[in-house]
Amino acid sequence: MGAFIVYIHIPFCDSKCGYCSFNSFTDKSLIDEYFKKLYIQLENDLSTVKKIDTVYIGGGTPSSVEAKYYEKIFRLLPKVKEFTVEANP
């Protein structure tokens, strides 16, 4: 069996860069609702997964979102070999 890779898109940013063509938003008023739906999606999609090779969290700018939103994601994931998180310094 091949590598199992999970991509999680976090579409929130502090500002929209002129060069960016990704789905992203600076209005964070929907962040709570977005993460509630993301948790449900992960629970459903990963219910039978025992191990993940790589989790890539991209966006947007995932580092612009408070750490509290990631705590449940990490609890929902099974054993993971590697995490990568995109950041815009």
PDB file of N, CA and C in Angstrom:
ATOM      1  N   MET A   1       0.855  -1.194   0.000  1.00  0.00           N
ATOM      2  CA  MET A   1       0.000   0.000   0.000  1.00  0.00           C
ATOM      3  C   MET A   1       0.887   1.239   0.000  1.00  0.00           C
ATOM      4  N   GLY A   2       0.491   2.267  -0.736  1.00  0.00           N
ATOM      5  CA  GLY A   2       1.265   3.494  -0.844  1.00  0.00           C
ATOM      6  C   GLY A   2       1.150   4.364   0.392  1.00  0.00           C
ATOM      7  N   ALA A   3       1.837   5.467   0.349  1.00  0.00           N
ATOM      8  CA  ALA A   3       1.820   6.415   1.461  1.00  0.00           C
ATOM      9  C   ALA A   3       0.442   7.041   1.609  1.00  0.00           C
ATOM     10  N   PHE A   4       0.015   7.207   2.849  1.00  0.00           N
ATOM     11  CA  PHE A   4      -1.265   7.856   3.125  1.00  0.00           C
ATOM     12  C   PHE A   4      -0.958   9.275   3.569  1.00  0.00           C
ATOM     13  N   ILE A   5      -1.392  10.253   2.769  1.00  0.00           N
ATOM     14  CA  ILE A   5      -1.107  11.665   3.013  1.00  0.00           C
ATOM     15  C   ILE A   5      -2.419  12.409   3.197  1.00  0.00           C
ATOM     16  N   VAL A   6      -2.456  13.283   4.190  1.00  0.00           N
ATOM     17  CA  VAL A   6      -3.648  14.090   4.456  1.00  0.00           C
ATOM     18  C   VAL A   6      -3.276  15.558   4.288  1.00  0.00           C
ATOM     19  N   TYR A   7      -4.070  16.269   3.487  1.00  0.00           N
ATOM     20  CA  TYR A   7      -3.925  17.720   3.345  1.00  0.00           C
ATOM     21  C   TYR A   7      -5.111  18.375   4.022  1.00  0.00           C
ATOM     22  N   ILE A   8      -4.831  19.319   4.906  1.00  0.00           N
ATOM     23  CA  ILE A   8      -5.881  20.074   5.588  1.00  0.00           C
ATOM     24  C   ILE A   8      -5.715  21.538   5.195  1.00  0.00           C
ATOM     25  N   HIS A   9      -6.747  22.074   4.562  1.00  0.00           N
ATOM     26  CA  HIS A   9      -6.698  23.464   4.087  1.00  0.00           C
ATOM     27  C   HIS A   9      -7.297  24.389   5.139  1.00  0.00           C
ATOM     28  N   ILE A  10      -6.517  25.361   5.563  1.00  0.00           N
ATOM     29  CA  ILE A  10      -6.977  26.386   6.508  1.00  0.00           C
ATOM     30  C   ILE A  10      -7.016  27.696   5.720  1.00  0.00           C
ATOM     31  N   PRO A  11      -8.215  28.176   5.357  1.00  0.00           N
ATOM     32  CA  PRO A  11      -8.316  29.283   4.406  1.00  0.00           C
ATOM     33  C   PRO A  11      -8.268  30.686   5.018  1.00  0.00           C
ATOM     34  N   PHE A  12      -7.636  30.840   6.162  1.00  0.00           N
ATOM     35  CA  PHE A  12      -7.637  32.149   6.828  1.00  0.00           C
ATOM     36  C   PHE A  12      -6.242  32.768   6.817  1.00  0.00           C
ATOM     37  N   CYS A  13      -6.217  34.089   6.638  1.00  0.00           N
ATOM     38  CA  CYS A  13      -4.970  34.859   6.608  1.00  0.00           C
ATOM     39  C   CYS A  13      -5.186  36.177   7.344  1.00  0.00           C
ATOM     40  N   ASP A  14      -4.088  36.785   7.764  1.00  0.00           N
ATOM     41  CA  ASP A  14      -4.179  38.126   8.358  1.00  0.00           C
ATOM     42  C   ASP A  14      -4.374  39.179   7.277  1.00  0.00           C
ATOM     43  N   SER A  15      -3.790  38.938   6.097  1.00  0.00           N
ATOM     44  CA  SER A  15      -3.978  39.834   4.952  1.00  0.00           C
ATOM     45  C   SER A  15      -3.893  39.000   3.675  1.00  0.00           C
ATOM     46  N   LYS A  16      -4.497  39.485   2.619  1.00  0.00           N
ATOM     47  CA  LYS A  16      -4.498  38.771   1.335  1.00  0.00           C
ATOM     48  C   LYS A  16      -3.328  39.288   0.505  1.00  0.00           C
ATOM     49  N   CYS A  17      -2.387  38.398   0.183  1.00  0.00           N
ATOM     50  CA  CYS A  17      -1.224  38.768  -0.619  1.00  0.00           C
ATOM     51  C   CYS A  17      -1.626  38.902  -2.087  1.00  0.00           C
ATOM     52  N   GLY A  18      -1.063  39.867  -2.767  1.00  0.00           N
ATOM     53  CA  GLY A  18      -1.387  40.125  -4.162  1.00  0.00           C
ATOM     54  C   GLY A  18      -1.083  38.971  -5.089  1.00  0.00           C
ATOM     55  N   TYR A  19      -0.087  38.171  -4.752  1.00  0.00           N
ATOM     56  CA  TYR A  19       0.316  37.051  -5.607  1.00  0.00           C
ATOM     57  C   TYR A  19      -0.478  35.774  -5.355  1.00  0.00           C
ATOM     58  N   CYS A  20      -1.279  35.745  -4.318  1.00  0.00           N
ATOM     59  CA  CYS A  20      -1.947  34.518  -3.898  1.00  0.00           C
ATOM     60  C   CYS A  20      -3.226  34.277  -4.699  1.00  0.00           C
ATOM     61  N   SER A  21      -3.345  33.056  -5.217  1.00  0.00           N
ATOM     62  CA  SER A  21      -4.575  32.690  -5.920  1.00  0.00           C
ATOM     63  C   SER A  21      -5.320  31.563  -5.198  1.00  0.00           C
ATOM     64  N   PHE A  22      -4.884  31.252  -3.974  1.00  0.00           N
ATOM     65  CA  PHE A  22      -5.536  30.196  -3.204  1.00  0.00           C
ATOM     66  C   PHE A  22      -6.812  30.714  -2.543  1.00  0.00           C
ATOM     67  N   ASN A  23      -7.702  29.803  -2.239  1.00  0.00           N
ATOM     68  CA  ASN A  23      -8.922  30.143  -1.511  1.00  0.00           C
ATOM     69  C   ASN A  23      -8.527  30.560  -0.099  1.00  0.00           C
ATOM     70  N   SER A  24      -8.633  31.845   0.193  1.00  0.00           N
ATOM     71  CA  SER A  24      -8.277  32.334   1.523  1.00  0.00           C
ATOM     72  C   SER A  24      -9.089  33.583   1.851  1.00  0.00           C
ATOM     73  N   PHE A  25      -9.259  33.803   3.145  1.00  0.00           N
ATOM     74  CA  PHE A  25     -10.101  34.902   3.629  1.00  0.00           C
ATOM     75  C   PHE A  25      -9.414  35.624   4.779  1.00  0.00           C
ATOM     76  N   THR A  26      -9.569  36.935   4.814  1.00  0.00           N
ATOM     77  CA  THR A  26      -9.044  37.711   5.935  1.00  0.00           C
ATOM     78  C   THR A  26     -10.117  37.914   7.002  1.00  0.00           C
ATOM     79  N   ASP A  27     -11.371  37.734   6.632  1.00  0.00           N
ATOM     80  CA  ASP A  27     -12.481  37.829   7.586  1.00  0.00           C
ATOM     81  C   ASP A  27     -12.545  36.519   8.360  1.00  0.00           C
ATOM     82  N   LYS A  28     -12.205  36.568   9.629  1.00  0.00           N
ATOM     83  CA  LYS A  28     -12.159  35.357  10.445  1.00  0.00           C
ATOM     84  C   LYS A  28     -13.443  35.137  11.254  1.00  0.00           C
ATOM     85  N   SER A  29     -14.516  35.795  10.872  1.00  0.00           N
ATOM     86  CA  SER A  29     -15.772  35.659  11.621  1.00  0.00           C
ATOM     87  C   SER A  29     -16.370  34.255  11.513  1.00  0.00           C
ATOM     88  N   LEU A  30     -15.975  33.497  10.492  1.00  0.00           N
ATOM     89  CA  LEU A  30     -16.508  32.144  10.317  1.00  0.00           C
ATOM     90  C   LEU A  30     -15.544  31.053  10.800  1.00  0.00           C
ATOM     91  N   ILE A  31     -14.492  31.446  11.487  1.00  0.00           N
ATOM     92  CA  ILE A  31     -13.463  30.478  11.865  1.00  0.00           C
ATOM     93  C   ILE A  31     -14.002  29.375  12.781  1.00  0.00           C
ATOM     94  N   ASP A  32     -14.846  29.717  13.745  1.00  0.00           N
ATOM     95  CA  ASP A  32     -15.399  28.702  14.644  1.00  0.00           C
ATOM     96  C   ASP A  32     -16.237  27.691  13.869  1.00  0.00           C
ATOM     97  N   GLU A  33     -17.091  28.178  12.999  1.00  0.00           N
ATOM     98  CA  GLU A  33     -17.948  27.297  12.197  1.00  0.00           C
ATOM     99  C   GLU A  33     -17.112  26.441  11.246  1.00  0.00           C
ATOM    100  N   TYR A  34     -16.085  27.024  10.652  1.00  0.00           N
ATOM    101  CA  TYR A  34     -15.218  26.277   9.748  1.00  0.00           C
ATOM    102  C   TYR A  34     -14.576  25.096  10.476  1.00  0.00           C
ATOM    103  N   PHE A  35     -14.028  25.350  11.646  1.00  0.00           N
ATOM    104  CA  PHE A  35     -13.350  24.276  12.370  1.00  0.00           C
ATOM    105  C   PHE A  35     -14.332  23.232  12.898  1.00  0.00           C
ATOM    106  N   LYS A  36     -15.530  23.614  13.279  1.00  0.00           N
ATOM    107  CA  LYS A  36     -16.533  22.621  13.681  1.00  0.00           C
ATOM    108  C   LYS A  36     -16.796  21.642  12.533  1.00  0.00           C
ATOM    109  N   LYS A  37     -16.955  22.180  11.333  1.00  0.00           N
ATOM    110  CA  LYS A  37     -17.202  21.337  10.153  1.00  0.00           C
ATOM    111  C   LYS A  37     -15.957  20.516   9.794  1.00  0.00           C
ATOM    112  N   LEU A  38     -14.780  21.098   9.949  1.00  0.00           N
ATOM    113  CA  LEU A  38     -13.547  20.379   9.666  1.00  0.00           C
ATOM    114  C   LEU A  38     -13.394  19.176  10.598  1.00  0.00           C
ATOM    115  N   TYR A  39     -13.706  19.341  11.885  1.00  0.00           N
ATOM    116  CA  TYR A  39     -13.615  18.232  12.841  1.00  0.00           C
ATOM    117  C   TYR A  39     -14.553  17.088  12.434  1.00  0.00           C
ATOM    118  N   ILE A  40     -15.764  17.439  12.014  1.00  0.00           N
ATOM    119  CA  ILE A  40     -16.724  16.418  11.564  1.00  0.00           C
ATOM    120  C   ILE A  40     -16.182  15.697  10.338  1.00  0.00           C
ATOM    121  N   GLN A  41     -15.650  16.449   9.394  1.00  0.00           N
ATOM    122  CA  GLN A  41     -15.084  15.861   8.167  1.00  0.00           C
ATOM    123  C   GLN A  41     -13.945  14.900   8.505  1.00  0.00           C
ATOM    124  N   LEU A  42     -13.043  15.329   9.385  1.00  0.00           N
ATOM    125  CA  LEU A  42     -11.920  14.472   9.753  1.00  0.00           C
ATOM    126  C   LEU A  42     -12.388  13.207  10.468  1.00  0.00           C
ATOM    127  N   GLU A  43     -13.343  13.352  11.378  1.00  0.00           N
ATOM    128  CA  GLU A  43     -13.863  12.174  12.079  1.00  0.00           C
ATOM    129  C   GLU A  43     -14.427  11.153  11.088  1.00  0.00           C
ATOM    130  N   ASN A  44     -15.166  11.629  10.106  1.00  0.00           N
ATOM    131  CA  ASN A  44     -15.757  10.737   9.101  1.00  0.00           C
ATOM    132  C   ASN A  44     -14.696  10.131   8.180  1.00  0.00           C
ATOM    133  N   ASP A  45     -13.831  10.965   7.637  1.00  0.00           N
ATOM    134  CA  ASP A  45     -12.862  10.503   6.650  1.00  0.00           C
ATOM    135  C   ASP A  45     -11.786   9.603   7.244  1.00  0.00           C
ATOM    136  N   LEU A  46     -11.441   9.813   8.509  1.00  0.00           N
ATOM    137  CA  LEU A  46     -10.341   9.062   9.109  1.00  0.00           C
ATOM    138  C   LEU A  46     -10.809   7.955  10.052  1.00  0.00           C
ATOM    139  N   SER A  47     -12.088   7.661  10.045  1.00  0.00           N
ATOM    140  CA  SER A  47     -12.633   6.696  11.005  1.00  0.00           C
ATOM    141  C   SER A  47     -12.013   5.302  10.883  1.00  0.00           C
ATOM    142  N   THR A  48     -11.539   4.935   9.709  1.00  0.00           N
ATOM    143  CA  THR A  48     -10.961   3.599   9.526  1.00  0.00           C
ATOM    144  C   THR A  48      -9.447   3.633   9.287  1.00  0.00           C
ATOM    145  N   VAL A  49      -8.851   4.810   9.372  1.00  0.00           N
ATOM    146  CA  VAL A  49      -7.417   4.955   9.126  1.00  0.00           C
ATOM    147  C   VAL A  49      -6.644   4.683  10.415  1.00  0.00           C
ATOM    148  N   LYS A  50      -5.649   3.831  10.327  1.00  0.00           N
ATOM    149  CA  LYS A  50      -4.840   3.473  11.499  1.00  0.00           C
ATOM    150  C   LYS A  50      -3.528   4.255  11.578  1.00  0.00           C
ATOM    151  N   LYS A  51      -3.004   4.650  10.414  1.00  0.00           N
ATOM    152  CA  LYS A  51      -1.701   5.303  10.374  1.00  0.00           C
ATOM    153  C   LYS A  51      -1.644   6.244   9.172  1.00  0.00           C
ATOM    154  N   ILE A  52      -1.028   7.407   9.371  1.00  0.00           N
ATOM    155  CA  ILE A  52      -0.856   8.392   8.304  1.00  0.00           C
ATOM    156  C   ILE A  52       0.627   8.673   8.160  1.00  0.00           C
ATOM    157  N   ASP A  53       1.107   8.675   6.918  1.00  0.00           N
ATOM    158  CA  ASP A  53       2.515   8.980   6.697  1.00  0.00           C
ATOM    159  C   ASP A  53       2.805  10.467   6.885  1.00  0.00           C
ATOM    160  N   THR A  54       1.991  11.311   6.258  1.00  0.00           N
ATOM    161  CA  THR A  54       2.238  12.753   6.308  1.00  0.00           C
ATOM    162  C   THR A  54       0.930  13.516   6.436  1.00  0.00           C
ATOM    163  N   VAL A  55       0.936  14.532   7.290  1.00  0.00           N
ATOM    164  CA  VAL A  55      -0.153  15.503   7.377  1.00  0.00           C
ATOM    165  C   VAL A  55       0.444  16.844   6.971  1.00  0.00           C
ATOM    166  N   TYR A  56      -0.157  17.458   5.963  1.00  0.00           N
ATOM    167  CA  TYR A  56       0.266  18.777   5.502  1.00  0.00           C
ATOM    168  C   TYR A  56      -0.876  19.741   5.767  1.00  0.00           C
ATOM    169  N   ILE A  57      -0.595  20.770   6.546  1.00  0.00           N
ATOM    170  CA  ILE A  57      -1.592  21.803   6.833  1.00  0.00           C
ATOM    171  C   ILE A  57      -1.169  23.049   6.079  1.00  0.00           C
ATOM    172  N   GLY A  58      -2.003  23.461   5.121  1.00  0.00           N
ATOM    173  CA  GLY A  58      -1.686  24.603   4.282  1.00  0.00           C
ATOM    174  C   GLY A  58      -2.861  25.553   4.197  1.00  0.00           C
ATOM    175  N   GLY A  59      -2.713  26.551   3.359  1.00  0.00           N
ATOM    176  CA  GLY A  59      -3.814  27.501   3.270  1.00  0.00           C
ATOM    177  C   GLY A  59      -3.610  28.501   2.165  1.00  0.00           C
ATOM    178  N   GLY A  60      -4.134  29.519   2.548  1.00  0.00           N
ATOM    179  CA  GLY A  60      -4.165  30.465   3.627  1.00  0.00           C
ATOM    180  C   GLY A  60      -2.831  30.479   4.366  1.00  0.00           C
ATOM    181  N   THR A  61      -2.937  30.954   5.566  1.00  0.00           N
ATOM    182  CA  THR A  61      -1.782  30.980   6.467  1.00  0.00           C
ATOM    183  C   THR A  61      -2.181  30.303   7.767  1.00  0.00           C
ATOM    184  N   PRO A  62      -1.993  28.993   7.862  1.00  0.00           N
ATOM    185  CA  PRO A  62      -2.413  28.264   9.052  1.00  0.00           C
ATOM    186  C   PRO A  62      -1.816  28.815  10.351  1.00  0.00           C
ATOM    187  N   SER A  63      -0.635  29.397  10.266  1.00  0.00           N
ATOM    188  CA  SER A  63      -0.007  29.932  11.479  1.00  0.00           C
ATOM    189  C   SER A  63      -0.704  31.193  11.991  1.00  0.00           C
ATOM    190  N   SER A  64      -1.639  31.746  11.215  1.00  0.00           N
ATOM    191  CA  SER A  64      -2.364  32.936  11.674  1.00  0.00           C
ATOM    192  C   SER A  64      -3.596  32.573  12.504  1.00  0.00           C
ATOM    193  N   VAL A  65      -3.853  31.275  12.647  1.00  0.00           N
ATOM    194  CA  VAL A  65      -5.001  30.786  13.405  1.00  0.00           C
ATOM    195  C   VAL A  65      -4.512  30.344  14.785  1.00  0.00           C
ATOM    196  N   GLU A  66      -5.289  30.660  15.813  1.00  0.00           N
ATOM    197  CA  GLU A  66      -4.902  30.310  17.178  1.00  0.00           C
ATOM    198  C   GLU A  66      -4.662  28.810  17.340  1.00  0.00           C
ATOM    199  N   ALA A  67      -3.692  28.466  18.145  1.00  0.00           N
ATOM    200  CA  ALA A  67      -3.306  27.072  18.374  1.00  0.00           C
ATOM    201  C   ALA A  67      -4.452  26.228  18.911  1.00  0.00           C
ATOM    202  N   LYS A  68      -5.370  26.830  19.643  1.00  0.00           N
ATOM    203  CA  LYS A  68      -6.473  26.070  20.235  1.00  0.00           C
ATOM    204  C   LYS A  68      -7.286  25.314  19.178  1.00  0.00           C
ATOM    205  N   TYR A  69      -7.329  25.829  17.962  1.00  0.00           N
ATOM    206  CA  TYR A  69      -8.096  25.171  16.906  1.00  0.00           C
ATOM    207  C   TYR A  69      -7.421  23.887  16.423  1.00  0.00           C
ATOM    208  N   TYR A  70      -6.134  23.771  16.625  1.00  0.00           N
ATOM    209  CA  TYR A  70      -5.389  22.600  16.162  1.00  0.00           C
ATOM    210  C   TYR A  70      -5.383  21.462  17.173  1.00  0.00           C
ATOM    211  N   GLU A  71      -5.656  21.754  18.426  1.00  0.00           N
ATOM    212  CA  GLU A  71      -5.611  20.720  19.473  1.00  0.00           C
ATOM    213  C   GLU A  71      -6.519  19.538  19.138  1.00  0.00           C
ATOM    214  N   LYS A  72      -7.751  19.797  18.750  1.00  0.00           N
ATOM    215  CA  LYS A  72      -8.677  18.710  18.446  1.00  0.00           C
ATOM    216  C   LYS A  72      -8.262  17.975  17.170  1.00  0.00           C
ATOM    217  N   ILE A  73      -7.727  18.693  16.192  1.00  0.00           N
ATOM    218  CA  ILE A  73      -7.256  18.038  14.973  1.00  0.00           C
ATOM    219  C   ILE A  73      -6.205  16.994  15.340  1.00  0.00           C
ATOM    220  N   PHE A  74      -5.253  17.363  16.177  1.00  0.00           N
ATOM    221  CA  PHE A  74      -4.184  16.442  16.546  1.00  0.00           C
ATOM    222  C   PHE A  74      -4.720  15.250  17.334  1.00  0.00           C
ATOM    223  N   ARG A  75      -5.748  15.453  18.120  1.00  0.00           N
ATOM    224  CA  ARG A  75      -6.362  14.341  18.860  1.00  0.00           C
ATOM    225  C   ARG A  75      -7.127  13.402  17.926  1.00  0.00           C
ATOM    226  N   LEU A  76      -7.694  13.931  16.854  1.00  0.00           N
ATOM    227  CA  LEU A  76      -8.471  13.118  15.915  1.00  0.00           C
ATOM    228  C   LEU A  76      -7.600  12.262  14.992  1.00  0.00           C
ATOM    229  N   LEU A  77      -6.377  12.685  14.782  1.00  0.00           N
ATOM    230  CA  LEU A  77      -5.508  11.978  13.848  1.00  0.00           C
ATOM    231  C   LEU A  77      -4.925  10.722  14.494  1.00  0.00           C
ATOM    232  N   PRO A  78      -4.847   9.646  13.718  1.00  0.00           N
ATOM    233  CA  PRO A  78      -4.176   8.451  14.225  1.00  0.00           C
ATOM    234  C   PRO A  78      -2.660   8.683  14.243  1.00  0.00           C
ATOM    235  N   LYS A  79      -1.903   7.655  14.407  1.00  0.00           N
ATOM    236  CA  LYS A  79      -0.444   7.755  14.408  1.00  0.00           C
ATOM    237  C   LYS A  79       0.037   8.407  13.109  1.00  0.00           C
ATOM    238  N   VAL A  80       0.888   9.449  13.241  1.00  0.00           N
ATOM    239  CA  VAL A  80       1.386  10.202  12.092  1.00  0.00           C
ATOM    240  C   VAL A  80       2.907  10.224  12.143  1.00  0.00           C
ATOM    241  N   LYS A  81       3.540   9.941  10.997  1.00  0.00           N
ATOM    242  CA  LYS A  81       4.997   9.984  10.915  1.00  0.00           C
ATOM    243  C   LYS A  81       5.545  11.404  10.830  1.00  0.00           C
ATOM    244  N   GLU A  82       4.882  12.250  10.031  1.00  0.00           N
ATOM    245  CA  GLU A  82       5.432  13.580   9.736  1.00  0.00           C
ATOM    246  C   GLU A  82       4.320  14.619   9.645  1.00  0.00           C
ATOM    247  N   PHE A  83       4.557  15.791  10.262  1.00  0.00           N
ATOM    248  CA  PHE A  83       3.657  16.940  10.146  1.00  0.00           C
ATOM    249  C   PHE A  83       4.400  18.056   9.437  1.00  0.00           C
ATOM    250  N   THR A  84       3.700  18.741   8.537  1.00  0.00           N
ATOM    251  CA  THR A  84       4.223  19.926   7.891  1.00  0.00           C
ATOM    252  C   THR A  84       3.144  20.998   7.948  1.00  0.00           C
ATOM    253  N   VAL A  85       3.527  22.197   8.373  1.00  0.00           N
ATOM    254  CA  VAL A  85       2.595  23.310   8.455  1.00  0.00           C
ATOM    255  C   VAL A  85       3.162  24.483   7.684  1.00  0.00           C
ATOM    256  N   GLU A  86       2.372  25.001   6.749  1.00  0.00           N
ATOM    257  CA  GLU A  86       2.767  26.163   5.979  1.00  0.00           C
ATOM    258  C   GLU A  86       2.713  27.403   6.860  1.00  0.00           C
ATOM    259  N   ALA A  87       3.657  28.293   6.685  1.00  0.00           N
ATOM    260  CA  ALA A  87       3.656  29.546   7.449  1.00  0.00           C
ATOM    261  C   ALA A  87       4.138  30.683   6.543  1.00  0.00           C
ATOM    262  N   ASN A  88       3.649  31.860   6.806  1.00  0.00           N
ATOM    263  CA  ASN A  88       4.090  33.051   6.085  1.00  0.00           C
ATOM    264  C   ASN A  88       4.757  33.950   7.111  1.00  0.00           C
ATOM    265  N   PRO A  89       6.074  33.928   7.168  1.00  0.00           N
ATOM    266  CA  PRO A  89       6.780  34.695   8.196  1.00  0.00           C
ATOM    267  C   PRO A  89       6.617  36.170   7.970  1.00  0.00           C
TER     268      PRO A  89
END
